[in-house]
Amino acid sequence: MAITAAQVKELREMTGAGMMDAKKALVETDGDMEAAIDWLRTKGLAKAAKKAGRTAAEGLVAVKVEGGVGVAVEVNAETDFVAKNAEFQTMVADIATAALGVDSVEALAEAPIGGKPVSEVITDKIAKIGENMSLRRMAKIEGDVVATYVHNAAGDGMGQIGVLVALKGGDEAFGKQVAMHVAAASPAALNEGDLDPAAIEKERQVQIDIARESGKPEAVIEKMIEGRMKKYLAEVTLTGQQFVINPDITVAQAAKEAGAEILGFIRMQVGEGIEKKEEDFAAEVAKAAQG
């Protein structure tokens, strides 16, 4: 019988298997989804299938730059033990290299590493190491200069936080200083124009409510709101923040002095936004020992 792309997609989501493995399993079992899952398990993908539902909130962010193009990728695993695993680190580095040639995480999942799609490489590693893993996201940036900084590095170009900063003019040394600033200060956007208008309006409403609680005249309230919004924008935008290297000036002023224009930045931190169940250290070790 003919196997549809929708069936292959469903089986991949259920098992974590690679695209070609999922398709072959469905062909071998005449499209029977349950039988296809069993077929994958008998072919050595049982671990990947069983672990696909477990939360993967640890792992690594890797950054790589080539010819004015920089990429950051996040590959997750269940525990930080795996982040220290040499095989896992090699895989993440290979995925970052592959990311230079694509423009989306979906395309990256299908990009080849050693003749196999990234998705299958990850599935194979799940089966071998015994933890659920996932390719979560990637981001790309371009500039005359693209500088990087990795915080809590676990290996070359990878760690818990990865930052890329793109410049027009300036040099890599200044770019790295800005990247270190981004890692520490975690700005929400490059400048006011890049902020979500809804976020600005929400903050304005909060400040209006706070100011009116003071009971002061409306003219005074307006000035209070204006001052507080100016402070808010300075705190959440990269160009408005006080430069961590020299707090006497803003990042925008530092860029001007360096003869650079900051075109954009990427800050990626392992596991941000993922809900994970807290476990004590003993439980984590016991789980790792069980495979």
Protein backbone atom coordinates (compact mmCIF):
# COMPACT_ATOMS: atom_id res chain seq x y z
CA MET A 1 0.00 0.00 0.00
CA ALA A 2 1.04 3.63 -0.52
CA ILE A 3 2.52 5.30 2.56
CA THR A 4 1.66 8.97 2.98
CA ALA A 5 3.90 11.74 4.28
CA ALA A 6 1.36 12.34 7.07
CA GLN A 7 1.77 8.74 8.28
CA VAL A 8 5.55 9.05 8.26
CA LYS A 9 5.32 12.33 10.20
CA GLU A 10 3.00 10.80 12.79
CA LEU A 11 5.27 7.80 13.34
CA ARG A 12 8.34 10.03 13.66
CA GLU A 13 6.59 12.17 16.27
CA MET A 14 5.52 9.08 18.22
CA THR A 15 8.89 7.35 18.20
CA GLY A 16 11.61 9.88 17.49
CA ALA A 17 12.75 7.67 14.61
CA GLY A 18 14.37 9.10 11.50
CA MET A 19 12.34 9.79 8.38
CA MET A 20 13.70 6.88 6.32
CA ASP A 21 13.40 4.44 9.24
CA ALA A 22 9.81 5.51 9.86
CA LYS A 23 8.91 5.13 6.19
CA LYS A 24 10.53 1.70 5.97
CA ALA A 25 8.72 0.55 9.11
CA LEU A 26 5.36 1.56 7.63
CA VAL A 27 6.15 -0.14 4.33
CA GLU A 28 7.15 -3.35 6.13
CA THR A 29 3.95 -3.36 8.20
CA ASP A 30 1.51 -2.22 5.48
CA GLY A 31 0.83 1.06 7.24
CA ASP A 32 -0.13 -0.44 10.62
CA MET A 33 1.05 2.22 13.08
CA GLU A 34 1.30 -0.03 16.16
CA ALA A 35 3.09 -2.74 14.22
CA ALA A 36 5.44 -0.12 12.78
CA ILE A 37 6.37 1.02 16.30
CA ASP A 38 7.12 -2.60 17.24
CA TRP A 39 9.17 -3.01 14.05
CA LEU A 40 11.29 0.01 14.96
CA ARG A 41 11.87 -1.39 18.43
CA THR A 42 13.02 -4.74 17.08
CA LYS A 43 15.51 -2.94 14.82
CA GLY A 44 17.38 -1.34 17.72
CA LEU A 45 15.38 1.88 18.04
CA ALA A 46 13.52 0.79 21.16
CA LYS A 47 15.44 3.19 23.39
CA ALA A 48 14.67 6.12 21.14
CA ALA A 49 11.00 5.19 21.05
CA LYS A 50 10.69 4.68 24.80
CA LYS A 51 12.52 7.88 25.69
CA ALA A 52 10.85 10.19 23.17
CA GLY A 53 8.34 11.42 25.75
CA ARG A 54 10.86 12.33 28.44
CA THR A 55 11.69 15.99 29.03
CA ALA A 56 14.97 17.06 27.44
CA ALA A 57 15.85 20.41 29.01
CA GLU A 58 19.62 20.09 29.38
CA GLY A 59 22.18 19.88 26.58
CA LEU A 60 24.29 22.41 24.71
CA VAL A 61 24.13 25.55 22.62
CA ALA A 62 26.77 25.68 19.89
CA VAL A 63 27.84 28.72 17.86
CA LYS A 64 29.79 28.76 14.62
CA VAL A 65 30.90 31.51 12.23
CA GLU A 66 32.03 31.27 8.64
CA GLY A 67 32.46 34.09 6.13
CA GLY A 68 30.37 36.74 7.90
CA VAL A 69 27.58 34.27 8.72
CA GLY A 70 26.98 33.03 12.25
CA VAL A 71 24.65 30.32 13.54
CA ALA A 72 23.54 29.16 16.95
CA VAL A 73 21.88 25.81 17.57
CA GLU A 74 20.40 24.20 20.68
CA VAL A 75 20.45 20.43 21.05
CA ASN A 76 18.79 19.12 24.20
CA ALA A 77 19.24 16.03 26.34
CA GLU A 78 17.74 14.92 29.65
CA THR A 79 20.74 15.46 31.94
CA ASP A 80 23.85 17.61 32.08
CA PHE A 81 25.91 14.41 32.18
CA VAL A 82 25.26 14.01 28.46
CA ALA A 83 26.42 17.56 27.76
CA LYS A 84 29.87 16.44 28.96
CA ASN A 85 29.82 13.34 26.74
CA ALA A 86 32.42 13.56 23.95
CA GLU A 87 30.15 11.81 21.43
CA PHE A 88 27.29 14.21 22.16
CA GLN A 89 29.61 17.20 21.84
CA THR A 90 30.94 15.97 18.50
CA MET A 91 27.39 15.53 17.23
CA VAL A 92 26.40 19.04 18.34
CA ALA A 93 29.48 20.53 16.64
CA ASP A 94 28.59 18.69 13.42
CA ILE A 95 25.01 19.95 13.62
CA ALA A 96 26.24 23.54 14.04
CA THR A 97 28.42 23.16 10.94
CA ALA A 98 25.46 21.78 8.98
CA ALA A 99 23.35 24.75 10.15
CA LEU A 100 25.57 27.17 8.21
CA GLY A 101 24.06 25.81 4.99
CA VAL A 102 20.35 26.05 5.90
CA ASP A 103 17.87 28.69 7.01
CA SER A 104 15.46 26.89 9.36
CA VAL A 105 15.43 24.22 12.03
CA GLU A 106 13.18 22.12 9.78
CA ALA A 107 15.75 22.22 6.98
CA LEU A 108 18.50 21.51 9.50
CA ALA A 109 16.72 18.33 10.63
CA GLU A 110 17.01 17.03 7.05
CA ALA A 111 20.55 18.33 6.41
CA PRO A 112 23.12 15.56 5.93
CA ILE A 113 25.86 14.58 8.37
CA GLY A 114 27.97 11.68 7.18
CA GLY A 115 25.30 10.59 4.71
CA LYS A 116 22.41 10.67 7.21
CA PRO A 117 19.89 13.43 7.99
CA VAL A 118 20.49 15.24 11.29
CA SER A 119 17.21 13.82 12.61
CA GLU A 120 18.46 10.25 12.11
CA VAL A 121 21.87 11.04 13.58
CA ILE A 122 20.11 12.25 16.75
CA THR A 123 17.86 9.18 16.83
CA ASP A 124 20.89 6.90 16.56
CA LYS A 125 22.55 8.78 19.42
CA ILE A 126 19.42 8.41 21.56
CA ALA A 127 19.57 4.66 21.08
CA LYS A 128 23.28 4.55 21.89
CA ILE A 129 23.49 6.91 24.87
CA GLY A 130 20.09 6.11 26.32
CA GLU A 131 18.58 9.55 26.83
CA ASN A 132 15.97 11.47 24.93
CA MET A 133 17.50 14.23 22.78
CA SER A 134 16.07 16.84 20.47
CA LEU A 135 17.12 19.49 18.00
CA ARG A 136 15.21 22.41 19.47
CA ARG A 137 16.10 25.51 17.47
CA MET A 138 18.60 27.40 15.38
CA ALA A 139 19.16 31.07 14.57
CA LYS A 140 21.30 32.80 11.98
CA ILE A 141 22.87 36.25 11.67
CA GLU A 142 25.10 38.07 9.16
CA GLY A 143 27.44 41.06 9.26
CA ASP A 144 30.83 42.46 8.25
CA VAL A 145 32.00 41.05 11.58
CA VAL A 146 30.23 38.29 13.52
CA ALA A 147 31.64 37.78 17.01
CA THR A 148 30.86 34.98 19.43
CA TYR A 149 30.92 34.32 23.15
CA VAL A 150 30.10 31.10 24.98
CA HIS A 151 29.35 31.11 28.70
CA ASN A 152 30.01 28.01 30.81
CA ALA A 153 31.79 26.42 27.89
CA ALA A 154 31.73 22.62 27.74
CA GLY A 155 33.82 22.42 24.60
CA ASP A 156 35.05 24.51 21.68
CA GLY A 157 32.23 26.88 20.66
CA MET A 158 29.58 25.26 22.85
CA GLY A 159 28.20 25.67 26.33
CA GLN A 160 25.16 26.75 28.37
CA ILE A 161 24.77 30.18 26.75
CA GLY A 162 25.82 31.04 23.22
CA VAL A 163 25.87 34.60 21.86
CA LEU A 164 26.43 35.99 18.36
CA VAL A 165 26.79 39.70 17.60
CA ALA A 166 26.81 41.10 14.06
CA LEU A 167 28.58 44.38 13.34
CA LYS A 168 28.99 46.76 10.46
CA GLY A 169 32.48 48.17 10.94
CA GLY A 170 34.37 47.70 14.18
CA ASP A 171 36.38 44.58 14.89
CA GLU A 172 36.03 41.15 16.46
CA ALA A 173 37.52 42.28 19.79
CA PHE A 174 34.76 44.88 20.27
CA GLY A 175 32.18 42.40 18.99
CA LYS A 176 33.22 39.89 21.64
CA GLN A 177 32.88 42.53 24.35
CA VAL A 178 29.32 43.21 23.19
CA ALA A 179 28.65 39.47 23.06
CA MET A 180 29.82 39.13 26.66
CA HIS A 181 27.53 42.02 27.59
CA VAL A 182 24.57 40.30 25.89
CA ALA A 183 25.29 37.07 27.80
CA ALA A 184 25.30 38.95 31.12
CA ALA A 185 22.54 41.53 30.58
CA SER A 186 20.15 39.50 28.38
CA PRO A 187 18.56 42.41 26.48
CA ALA A 188 15.11 41.80 25.02
CA ALA A 189 15.88 43.56 21.73
CA LEU A 190 18.51 45.59 19.89
CA ASN A 191 16.61 48.88 20.20
CA GLU A 192 13.13 50.27 20.85
CA GLY A 193 12.08 49.67 17.23
CA ASP A 194 12.73 45.94 17.61
CA LEU A 195 10.71 45.54 20.81
CA ASP A 196 7.29 43.93 20.70
CA PRO A 197 4.78 46.84 20.71
CA ALA A 198 2.47 44.77 22.91
CA ALA A 199 5.21 44.43 25.53
CA ILE A 200 5.81 48.19 25.50
CA GLU A 201 2.09 48.91 25.87
CA LYS A 202 1.75 46.40 28.70
CA GLU A 203 4.61 48.07 30.58
CA ARG A 204 3.08 51.50 29.94
CA GLN A 205 -0.23 50.36 31.43
CA VAL A 206 1.56 49.01 34.50
CA GLN A 207 3.36 52.31 34.98
CA ILE A 208 0.12 54.26 34.51
CA ASP A 209 -1.57 52.21 37.23
CA ILE A 210 1.41 52.65 39.58
CA ALA A 211 1.58 56.40 38.95
CA ARG A 212 -2.14 56.93 39.53
CA GLU A 213 -1.92 55.14 42.85
CA SER A 214 0.25 58.05 44.01
CA GLY A 215 -2.72 60.41 43.86
CA LYS A 216 -0.64 63.14 42.23
CA PRO A 217 -1.99 65.60 39.61
CA GLU A 218 -2.37 64.30 36.04
CA ALA A 219 0.41 66.56 34.72
CA VAL A 220 2.84 65.10 37.27
CA ILE A 221 1.64 61.56 36.49
CA GLU A 222 2.38 62.07 32.78
CA LYS A 223 5.96 63.08 33.58
CA MET A 224 6.34 60.12 35.93
CA ILE A 225 5.17 57.72 33.23
CA GLU A 226 7.46 59.30 30.64
CA GLY A 227 10.48 59.00 32.93
CA ARG A 228 9.73 55.42 33.92
CA MET A 229 9.18 54.30 30.32
CA LYS A 230 12.48 55.90 29.32
CA LYS A 231 14.18 53.94 32.10
CA TYR A 232 12.40 50.72 31.06
CA LEU A 233 13.49 51.06 27.42
CA ALA A 234 17.08 51.71 28.48
CA GLU A 235 17.06 48.58 30.64
CA VAL A 236 15.64 46.15 28.07
CA THR A 237 17.32 47.30 24.82
CA LEU A 238 20.93 46.46 24.01
CA THR A 239 21.82 49.90 22.70
CA GLY A 240 20.26 51.61 25.74
CA GLN A 241 21.90 49.47 28.42
CA GLN A 242 24.95 50.58 30.38
CA PHE A 243 27.93 48.76 28.87
CA VAL A 244 29.18 46.10 31.31
CA ILE A 245 32.78 46.73 30.17
CA ASN A 246 32.43 50.43 30.99
CA PRO A 247 29.23 51.28 32.92
CA ASP A 248 29.82 55.01 32.45
CA ILE A 249 28.58 54.75 28.85
CA THR A 250 25.80 52.96 27.02
CA VAL A 251 26.37 50.17 24.51
CA ALA A 252 25.32 52.60 21.75
CA GLN A 253 28.01 55.06 22.86
CA ALA A 254 30.60 52.28 23.05
CA ALA A 255 29.75 51.21 19.50
CA LYS A 256 30.12 54.78 18.25
CA GLU A 257 33.54 55.07 19.89
CA ALA A 258 34.57 51.75 18.30
CA GLY A 259 33.43 52.91 14.85
CA ALA A 260 30.86 50.12 14.70
CA GLU A 261 27.16 49.72 14.10
CA ILE A 262 25.49 46.81 15.88
CA LEU A 263 23.26 45.11 13.33
CA GLY A 264 21.80 42.47 15.62
CA PHE A 265 22.45 39.75 18.16
CA ILE A 266 21.40 36.25 19.11
CA ARG A 267 21.39 35.02 22.70
CA MET A 268 20.52 31.37 23.18
CA GLN A 269 20.48 29.61 26.56
CA VAL A 270 20.03 25.90 27.10
CA GLY A 271 16.55 24.95 28.25
CA GLU A 272 15.08 28.47 28.47
CA GLY A 273 11.31 28.24 28.34
CA ILE A 274 11.20 24.47 28.89
CA GLU A 275 9.31 23.28 31.94
CA LYS A 276 11.22 20.53 33.71
CA LYS A 277 10.52 18.48 36.78
CA GLU A 278 12.98 19.17 39.57
CA GLU A 279 14.79 16.07 40.82
CA ASP A 280 17.39 15.66 43.51
CA PHE A 281 20.91 14.61 42.59
CA ALA A 282 20.49 11.03 43.85
CA ALA A 283 17.37 10.55 41.73
CA GLU A 284 19.16 11.94 38.68
CA VAL A 285 22.06 9.52 39.12
CA ALA A 286 19.68 6.60 39.66
CA LYS A 287 17.79 7.47 36.48
CA ALA A 288 21.01 7.70 34.50
CA ALA A 289 22.13 4.32 35.84
CA GLN A 290 18.86 2.72 34.74
CA GLY A 291 19.39 3.91 31.15
